[in-house]
Every structure is written in C-alpha cells, then in structure tokens.
C-alpha cells in the first residue's frame, strides 16, 4: 500500500484530525462507487454506523452499498433502510461484483480484515482505496486513511463526529439519528459503561434534537425478542452457568445441540455474557458457543480487569479492556479447559 496515514485521537478536543478529513474528502470526491463493510456478525453499532454513512453518502449523491459479511440480529431489522443492506452469504456474486467495481471502501467498526469474515481475502486483495472508522484498540495497517479513537464510546459516536467534520451535520435527519443512537446505546449497555465522556451526551442531545423517539428505539432493541430466545437465556442461566467463586469468574456454555433445541437465530445470544456480572463479586464473565467448525467466545469484565489480554493471547481475539471476543478451532470442552488453565495466573497478575 503506497499511502498510509494514521491518527490516534485521545482527547475531547480535536477529535477529528483536519489533515485526515481533507484526505477523506479528496477520496470521496474522486470516488464513483463506494462499499461500506461492517464486521462479521454485526451488532447495533456496526449496522447503525454503516447505515448512517450510507444515508449520508446517498444525500451527497454518491453511489454506495453496504455489504455485510453475515446476517445480523432480527431486532435490528427495523432500522431505516435496513432492507438495502446486501448480505454476502445470500448474494455472493452480486457482492463480489460490487466490491470489485468500487474505488473506495469504508471499513466500519473493525480494524482487521480478520473481523471481515468471508470477505477477508476479497478485501485484502482489493485495489480500491480504503478508509477505516473504528474505536477498537490496536488497529492494523490495512487502509489508506485511518480514523481510530479508543476514547469514542462507539463507532456511531465516531460516525457523527466524522459526518460533522465533513460539514454534513445539517444532513443528519431523524432516520440517520435513529441509526446513530441505536449504535451508541447498544455499545454502552444503555449508556451504563464506556460512556463517561461529556461529548457523548452532547451528541445524544443532538440526536434527540433530530426528533428521534428514544422510547421506541429502546423498545425495538430490548423488547423485541422471540420466545425461543428467552428460553435460551433461561437455559444459559440455569443449566449453562458455572461460577468459579475463587476467581470471581462465571462461564456460560452453549453446545450445538442447545442452539438447535432453542431454534437459535443470529443475534439471539447478544448480551447474554453480561448477565453473570450481576452476581455479587463477579469480575469476569465468559460465554463459549459451539458452532459447526469453531467455538465463538465473548469476554466481559468489570473495572480495571483487562480481559482483552486473555482473548488476544489465547483465543485469537481482542477488543476493549472490558469487552472482547475470540474464537478457537479446539473442541468445546478443550476450549473451556484452556480458559480455566490460564485463569489462575491471570487473576493472580491482577493482584500484584
């Protein structure tokens, strides 16, 4: 890659670097077709920020398309223009053709092509210019212009700042605001964590000023689950929960058989890993989900417990200090045993 720029921003002031914005503006002006790529297994932040960017580009008269590496939770299907998202698994040829014809690609809410799922190789080989907008730590050198800021509570917060810096603040209407607000609240647990920056609430205020119905959004996101999903949660907290009191750690296990029994759909386990942290004294919570060829793992922690280190060092993953993900090709039981084997040393290191 012959041109690579990076700027990591860590303060309330100058959150968007002027030089990078100018570079992004030039690429936008030169582009005739743009692809927007959220991470595989996209959540509210990934889809919300992608849809907001898509609507902004549409208002600017720039042809673009969101290409999602995989499907996403049903409770996000209400988002404005959701029906225009191109799902790669069911539209592979159309998605590949669009990507290959694009002269600019936005990498949204992730900072490694490994998080792009089945699109990893396509994106790696794609000659198009690339812009990253993301708030996760340790971004990889994979783009031409990088907007990376771990102080942002979400990529949706970052996307608001990005659009504003481009002079497009007045283009943010109610529909765009709904998408951005959804990403902010879902990535912060309803503004309960990673949301202590006053600027976050200034942006939320601006989104409310666009006329969004906050109660409707919360109902669509949090009161829109299936009966099977609720039964699956019950199973997790009853049969699937193991508490390791000596390490202030809880483990949830879901087998392939469990997923079949409860008619699992993509996104059904969203947020499950957070529940054990409500147990008195719990500092760490981990959920292991057995799929056909891998075991997917989500890690959560409280306070200054860097659970992302365990994800990165042992499970090919990473993320924020208190919220991370990983995966392994080991068998489910072996994966859990591996976690238990490294847990004592990890907890001991916290006490030094």
Protein backbone atom coordinates (compact mmCIF):
# COMPACT_ATOMS: atom_id res chain seq x y z
CA UNK A 1 0.00 0.00 0.00
CA UNK A 2 1.68 3.22 -1.15
CA UNK A 3 -0.14 5.68 1.08
CA UNK A 4 -0.98 5.03 4.70
CA UNK A 5 -1.93 7.54 7.33
CA UNK A 6 -2.89 7.01 10.91
CA UNK A 7 -4.00 9.27 13.69
CA UNK A 8 -4.97 8.00 17.14
CA UNK A 9 -7.00 10.62 18.98
CA UNK A 10 -7.34 10.58 22.72
CA UNK A 11 -8.86 13.84 23.87
CA UNK A 12 -12.13 15.71 23.74
CA UNK A 13 -10.55 18.47 21.70
CA UNK A 14 -9.62 17.93 18.06
CA UNK A 15 -11.31 14.54 17.93
CA UNK A 16 -11.18 14.56 14.13
CA UNK A 17 -7.85 15.44 12.56
CA UNK A 18 -8.17 18.13 9.88
CA UNK A 19 -5.49 16.60 7.66
CA UNK A 20 -7.22 13.22 7.62
CA UNK A 21 -10.60 14.80 6.92
CA UNK A 22 -9.14 16.57 3.89
CA UNK A 23 -7.69 13.28 2.66
CA UNK A 24 -11.07 11.61 3.15
CA UNK A 25 -12.80 14.45 1.31
CA UNK A 26 -10.46 14.02 -1.67
CA UNK A 27 -11.14 10.28 -1.81
CA UNK A 28 -14.90 10.90 -1.62
CA UNK A 29 -14.71 13.44 -4.44
CA UNK A 30 -12.73 11.03 -6.61
CA UNK A 31 -14.97 8.02 -5.97
CA UNK A 32 -17.82 6.91 -8.20
CA UNK A 33 -18.75 3.76 -6.27
CA UNK A 34 -18.26 3.07 -2.57
CA UNK A 35 -18.59 -0.09 -0.49
CA UNK A 36 -19.30 0.02 3.26
CA UNK A 37 -18.21 -3.05 5.25
CA UNK A 38 -19.29 -3.72 8.85
CA UNK A 39 -17.64 -6.56 10.75
CA UNK A 40 -18.85 -10.14 10.56
CA UNK A 41 -21.72 -10.83 12.93
CA UNK A 42 -22.55 -7.12 13.00
CA UNK A 43 -24.12 -5.62 16.10
CA UNK A 44 -26.11 -2.42 16.61
CA UNK A 45 -23.00 -0.25 16.42
CA UNK A 46 -21.69 -1.81 13.21
CA UNK A 47 -25.03 -1.72 11.39
CA UNK A 48 -26.07 1.63 12.84
CA UNK A 49 -22.86 3.39 11.80
CA UNK A 50 -22.89 1.74 8.36
CA UNK A 51 -26.50 2.77 7.71
CA UNK A 52 -25.82 6.34 8.86
CA UNK A 53 -22.84 6.60 6.50
CA UNK A 54 -24.86 5.05 3.67
CA UNK A 55 -27.63 7.62 4.11
CA UNK A 56 -25.12 10.47 4.27
CA UNK A 57 -23.48 9.37 1.00
CA UNK A 58 -26.91 8.96 -0.59
CA UNK A 59 -27.78 12.56 0.30
CA UNK A 60 -24.49 13.68 -1.22
CA UNK A 61 -25.37 11.90 -4.46
CA UNK A 62 -22.60 9.32 -4.08
CA UNK A 63 -23.36 5.73 -5.08
CA UNK A 64 -22.70 3.32 -2.23
CA UNK A 65 -23.67 -0.09 -0.90
CA UNK A 66 -23.40 -1.77 2.50
CA UNK A 67 -22.02 -5.29 2.08
CA UNK A 68 -22.39 -7.24 5.31
CA UNK A 69 -20.16 -10.32 5.72
CA UNK A 70 -23.02 -12.07 7.53
CA UNK A 71 -26.58 -11.66 8.71
CA UNK A 72 -27.34 -9.78 11.91
CA UNK A 73 -29.93 -9.91 14.71
CA UNK A 74 -33.61 -9.66 13.81
CA UNK A 75 -34.11 -6.94 16.42
CA UNK A 76 -32.07 -4.58 14.20
CA UNK A 77 -34.22 -5.10 11.10
CA UNK A 78 -36.38 -2.09 11.93
CA UNK A 79 -33.53 0.35 11.30
CA UNK A 80 -34.14 2.81 8.43
CA UNK A 81 -33.01 1.45 5.01
CA UNK A 82 -32.07 -1.88 6.61
CA UNK A 83 -33.65 -3.61 3.59
CA UNK A 84 -30.98 -2.11 1.32
CA UNK A 85 -28.11 -3.92 3.10
CA UNK A 86 -26.54 -6.56 0.85
CA UNK A 87 -25.90 -9.77 2.78
CA UNK A 88 -22.85 -11.55 1.39
CA UNK A 89 -23.86 -15.16 2.28
CA UNK A 90 -27.03 -14.98 0.16
CA UNK A 91 -25.76 -12.61 -2.55
CA UNK A 92 -22.14 -13.64 -3.11
CA UNK A 93 -21.84 -12.86 -6.83
CA UNK A 94 -23.60 -9.51 -6.57
CA UNK A 95 -21.49 -8.56 -3.54
CA UNK A 96 -18.21 -9.58 -5.19
CA UNK A 97 -19.06 -7.71 -8.39
CA UNK A 98 -19.96 -4.56 -6.46
CA UNK A 99 -16.79 -4.71 -4.36
CA UNK A 100 -14.57 -5.25 -7.39
CA UNK A 101 -16.16 -2.25 -9.11
CA UNK A 102 -15.72 0.02 -6.07
CA UNK A 103 -12.96 2.61 -5.98
CA UNK A 104 -13.36 3.31 -2.26
CA UNK A 105 -14.17 1.02 0.67
CA UNK A 106 -15.11 2.05 4.22
CA UNK A 107 -14.09 -0.42 6.92
CA UNK A 108 -16.56 0.29 9.72
CA UNK A 109 -16.44 -0.75 13.40
CA UNK A 110 -13.48 -3.10 12.98
CA UNK A 111 -9.77 -2.68 12.39
CA UNK A 112 -8.62 -6.00 10.98
CA UNK A 113 -9.74 -7.90 7.89
CA UNK A 114 -9.88 -10.96 10.15
CA UNK A 115 -13.10 -9.44 11.53
CA UNK A 116 -14.50 -9.22 8.00
CA UNK A 117 -15.37 -12.91 7.96
CA UNK A 118 -15.73 -14.42 4.49
CA UNK A 119 -14.82 -11.06 2.94
CA UNK A 120 -11.30 -11.14 4.41
CA UNK A 121 -9.46 -12.33 1.29
CA UNK A 122 -11.56 -10.22 -1.08
CA UNK A 123 -10.84 -7.06 0.90
CA UNK A 124 -7.16 -7.92 1.29
CA UNK A 125 -6.74 -8.27 -2.48
CA UNK A 126 -8.99 -5.35 -3.42
CA UNK A 127 -7.04 -2.48 -5.08
CA UNK A 128 -9.60 0.15 -4.05
CA UNK A 129 -8.63 2.88 -1.60
CA UNK A 130 -9.80 2.23 1.95
CA UNK A 131 -10.90 4.35 4.91
CA UNK A 132 -11.32 2.96 8.42
CA UNK A 133 -13.67 4.38 11.06
CA UNK A 134 -13.36 2.43 14.30
CA UNK A 135 -12.97 2.72 18.07
CA UNK A 136 -11.24 -0.57 18.95
CA UNK A 137 -7.62 -0.79 20.15
CA UNK A 138 -4.60 -1.94 18.13
CA UNK A 139 -5.73 -1.17 14.55
CA UNK A 140 -3.89 -2.98 11.76
CA UNK A 141 -2.16 -1.23 8.86
CA UNK A 142 -4.76 -2.15 6.23
CA UNK A 143 -6.16 1.17 4.98
CA UNK A 144 -5.13 4.40 3.31
CA UNK A 145 -6.81 6.75 5.78
CA UNK A 146 -7.40 5.63 9.35
CA UNK A 147 -9.77 7.22 11.84
CA UNK A 148 -9.14 5.31 15.06
CA UNK A 149 -10.02 6.56 18.53
CA UNK A 150 -10.45 4.30 21.54
CA UNK A 151 -11.94 7.16 23.59
CA UNK A 152 -15.08 7.06 21.44
CA UNK A 153 -17.84 5.11 23.17
CA UNK A 154 -18.90 3.59 19.85
CA UNK A 155 -18.30 3.81 16.14
CA UNK A 156 -21.69 5.52 15.86
CA UNK A 157 -20.38 8.33 18.06
CA UNK A 158 -17.32 8.45 15.80
CA UNK A 159 -19.51 8.48 12.68
CA UNK A 160 -21.38 11.52 13.98
CA UNK A 161 -18.05 13.30 14.50
CA UNK A 162 -16.89 12.22 11.02
CA UNK A 163 -20.01 13.48 9.25
CA UNK A 164 -19.91 16.71 11.24
CA UNK A 165 -16.24 17.24 10.33
CA UNK A 166 -17.17 16.81 6.66
CA UNK A 167 -19.65 19.66 7.07
CA UNK A 168 -22.63 17.32 6.89
CA UNK A 169 -24.13 17.92 10.32
CA UNK A 170 -27.24 19.52 8.81
CA UNK A 171 -27.80 16.39 6.71
CA UNK A 172 -28.31 14.24 9.80
CA UNK A 173 -32.06 13.73 9.86
CA UNK A 174 -34.30 11.64 12.11
CA UNK A 175 -33.57 8.37 10.30
CA UNK A 176 -29.80 8.83 10.46
CA UNK A 177 -30.12 9.86 14.10
CA UNK A 178 -32.07 6.67 14.88
CA UNK A 179 -29.23 4.58 13.45
CA UNK A 180 -26.55 6.50 15.34
CA UNK A 181 -28.42 6.46 18.65
CA UNK A 182 -29.02 2.72 18.35
CA UNK A 183 -25.29 2.08 17.99
CA UNK A 184 -24.43 4.32 20.92
CA UNK A 185 -26.87 2.73 23.36
CA UNK A 186 -26.18 -0.88 22.33
CA UNK A 187 -22.40 -0.46 22.55
CA UNK A 188 -22.58 1.10 26.00
CA UNK A 189 -25.22 -1.07 27.61
CA UNK A 190 -27.74 1.76 27.54
CA UNK A 191 -25.04 4.31 28.44
CA UNK A 192 -24.06 2.31 31.54
CA UNK A 193 -20.38 1.71 30.64
CA UNK A 194 -17.66 3.22 28.44
CA UNK A 195 -19.72 6.40 28.32
CA UNK A 196 -18.24 8.93 30.75
CA UNK A 197 -17.13 11.49 28.17
CA UNK A 198 -19.36 14.60 28.24
CA UNK A 199 -19.14 14.77 24.45
CA UNK A 200 -21.11 11.52 24.21
CA UNK A 201 -24.10 13.18 25.84
CA UNK A 202 -23.73 16.28 23.69
CA UNK A 203 -24.07 14.04 20.65
CA UNK A 204 -27.01 12.16 22.18
CA UNK A 205 -28.64 15.55 22.75
CA UNK A 206 -28.11 16.47 19.10
CA UNK A 207 -29.67 13.17 18.01
CA UNK A 208 -32.67 13.80 20.24
CA UNK A 209 -32.98 17.24 18.67
CA UNK A 210 -33.46 15.48 15.31
CA UNK A 211 -36.75 14.11 16.63
CA UNK A 212 -35.91 10.51 17.47
CA UNK A 213 -38.28 8.59 19.72
CA UNK A 214 -35.93 7.24 22.37
CA UNK A 215 -38.58 5.03 23.95
CA UNK A 216 -39.43 3.47 20.59
CA UNK A 217 -35.77 2.71 19.88
CA UNK A 218 -35.24 1.08 23.27
CA UNK A 219 -38.41 -0.98 22.80
CA UNK A 220 -37.34 -2.10 19.31
CA UNK A 221 -33.91 -3.14 20.56
CA UNK A 222 -34.62 -4.56 24.01
CA UNK A 223 -38.29 -5.63 23.88
CA UNK A 224 -38.28 -7.40 20.56
CA UNK A 225 -37.07 -10.91 21.33
CA UNK A 226 -38.56 -14.27 20.45
CA UNK A 227 -39.91 -16.79 22.95
CA UNK A 228 -37.12 -19.18 21.92
CA UNK A 229 -34.52 -16.53 22.73
CA UNK A 230 -35.92 -16.03 26.23
CA UNK A 231 -35.96 -19.78 26.82
CA UNK A 232 -32.35 -19.97 25.61
CA UNK A 233 -31.40 -17.27 28.12
CA UNK A 234 -33.13 -19.23 30.86
CA UNK A 235 -31.16 -22.32 29.89
CA UNK A 236 -27.89 -20.36 29.97
CA UNK A 237 -28.51 -19.06 33.48
CA UNK A 238 -29.73 -22.44 34.77
CA UNK A 239 -28.03 -25.37 33.08
CA UNK A 240 -25.30 -23.50 31.20
CA UNK A 241 -23.83 -21.39 34.03
CA UNK A 242 -20.74 -22.31 36.04
CA UNK A 243 -19.48 -19.96 38.76
CA UNK A 244 -15.83 -20.11 39.78
CA UNK A 245 -16.13 -18.15 43.03
CA UNK A 246 -12.44 -18.42 43.90
CA UNK A 247 -11.62 -16.47 40.71
CA UNK A 248 -14.68 -14.18 40.69
CA UNK A 249 -15.43 -15.62 37.27
CA UNK A 250 -18.51 -17.07 35.59
CA UNK A 251 -18.67 -19.27 32.49
CA UNK A 252 -21.67 -19.90 30.24
CA UNK A 253 -21.55 -22.86 27.88
CA UNK A 254 -23.77 -23.42 24.84
CA UNK A 255 -23.45 -26.55 22.73
CA UNK A 256 -24.58 -27.05 19.13
CA UNK A 257 -27.38 -29.20 20.49
CA UNK A 258 -28.54 -26.34 22.72
CA UNK A 259 -28.70 -23.99 19.75
CA UNK A 260 -30.80 -26.47 17.77
CA UNK A 261 -33.09 -27.17 20.73
CA UNK A 262 -33.92 -23.48 21.17
CA UNK A 263 -34.13 -22.64 17.43
CA UNK A 264 -31.14 -20.31 17.59
CA UNK A 265 -31.08 -17.31 15.23
CA UNK A 266 -28.20 -14.91 14.63
CA UNK A 267 -28.04 -12.42 17.48
CA UNK A 268 -30.03 -14.49 19.98
CA UNK A 269 -27.12 -14.61 22.44
CA UNK A 270 -26.39 -10.88 22.21
CA UNK A 271 -25.85 -9.59 25.76
CA UNK A 272 -26.03 -12.99 27.47
CA UNK A 273 -22.42 -12.74 28.63
CA UNK A 274 -23.24 -9.64 30.69
CA UNK A 275 -25.79 -11.31 32.98
CA UNK A 276 -23.34 -13.14 35.30
CA UNK A 277 -21.62 -9.85 36.09
CA UNK A 278 -24.73 -9.03 38.11
CA UNK A 279 -23.71 -11.74 40.59
CA UNK A 280 -22.14 -10.24 43.68
CA UNK A 281 -18.36 -10.28 43.47
CA UNK A 282 -18.14 -11.36 39.80
CA UNK A 283 -15.38 -9.62 37.88
CA UNK A 284 -15.20 -11.77 34.74
CA UNK A 285 -17.84 -13.43 32.58
CA UNK A 286 -17.21 -15.60 29.52
CA UNK A 287 -19.59 -17.39 27.14
CA UNK A 288 -18.48 -20.28 24.93
CA UNK A 289 -20.75 -21.01 21.95
CA UNK A 290 -20.13 -24.16 19.93
CA UNK A 291 -20.66 -23.76 16.19
CA UNK A 292 -20.06 -26.27 13.37
CA UNK A 293 -16.32 -25.71 12.97
CA UNK A 294 -15.36 -23.22 15.67
CA UNK A 295 -16.11 -22.17 19.22
CA UNK A 296 -17.02 -18.48 19.48
CA UNK A 297 -16.14 -16.78 22.75
CA UNK A 298 -17.22 -13.48 24.28
CA UNK A 299 -15.40 -11.99 27.26
CA UNK A 300 -16.61 -9.32 29.69
CA UNK A 301 -15.09 -7.84 32.84
CA UNK A 302 -15.50 -5.04 35.35
CA UNK A 303 -13.24 -2.19 36.38
CA UNK A 304 -9.55 -2.47 35.59
CA UNK A 305 -9.63 -6.14 34.60
CA UNK A 306 -8.10 -6.35 31.08
CA UNK A 307 -9.93 -9.41 29.84
CA UNK A 308 -8.99 -8.49 26.26
CA UNK A 309 -5.49 -9.73 27.09
CA UNK A 310 -6.81 -13.26 27.60
CA UNK A 311 -8.76 -13.06 24.34
CA UNK A 312 -5.71 -11.86 22.40
CA UNK A 313 -3.09 -14.17 23.93
CA UNK A 314 -5.04 -17.41 23.98
CA UNK A 315 -8.07 -17.22 21.68
CA UNK A 316 -7.04 -15.32 18.52
CA UNK A 317 -9.15 -12.37 19.54
CA UNK A 318 -9.08 -8.94 21.11
CA UNK A 319 -11.19 -5.90 21.80
CA UNK A 320 -11.69 -3.39 24.59
CA UNK A 321 -10.32 -3.88 28.09
CA UNK A 322 -13.73 -4.91 29.46
CA UNK A 323 -15.30 -6.36 26.32
CA UNK A 324 -13.57 -8.67 23.89
CA UNK A 325 -14.14 -11.60 21.59
CA UNK A 326 -12.24 -14.64 20.42
CA UNK A 327 -12.54 -18.00 18.74
CA UNK A 328 -10.86 -21.36 18.56
CA UNK A 329 -10.98 -24.50 16.43
CA UNK A 330 -10.48 -26.65 19.53
CA UNK A 331 -13.35 -28.77 20.81
CA UNK A 332 -15.75 -27.03 23.20
CA UNK A 333 -14.54 -28.89 26.30
CA UNK A 334 -10.90 -28.31 25.41
CA UNK A 335 -11.54 -24.59 24.89
CA UNK A 336 -13.14 -24.25 28.30
CA UNK A 337 -10.32 -26.21 29.94
CA UNK A 338 -7.78 -23.97 28.23
CA UNK A 339 -9.50 -20.89 29.66
CA UNK A 340 -9.60 -22.43 33.12
CA UNK A 341 -5.91 -23.28 32.90
CA UNK A 342 -4.84 -19.69 32.21
CA UNK A 343 -7.35 -18.09 34.58
CA UNK A 344 -5.41 -18.54 37.87
CA UNK A 345 -2.28 -16.81 36.56
CA UNK A 346 -4.38 -14.04 35.01
CA UNK A 347 -6.25 -13.35 38.25
CA UNK A 348 -3.01 -13.53 40.23
CA UNK A 349 -1.43 -10.94 37.95
CA UNK A 350 -4.24 -8.51 38.81
CA UNK A 351 -3.39 -8.71 42.49
CA UNK A 352 0.26 -7.72 42.07
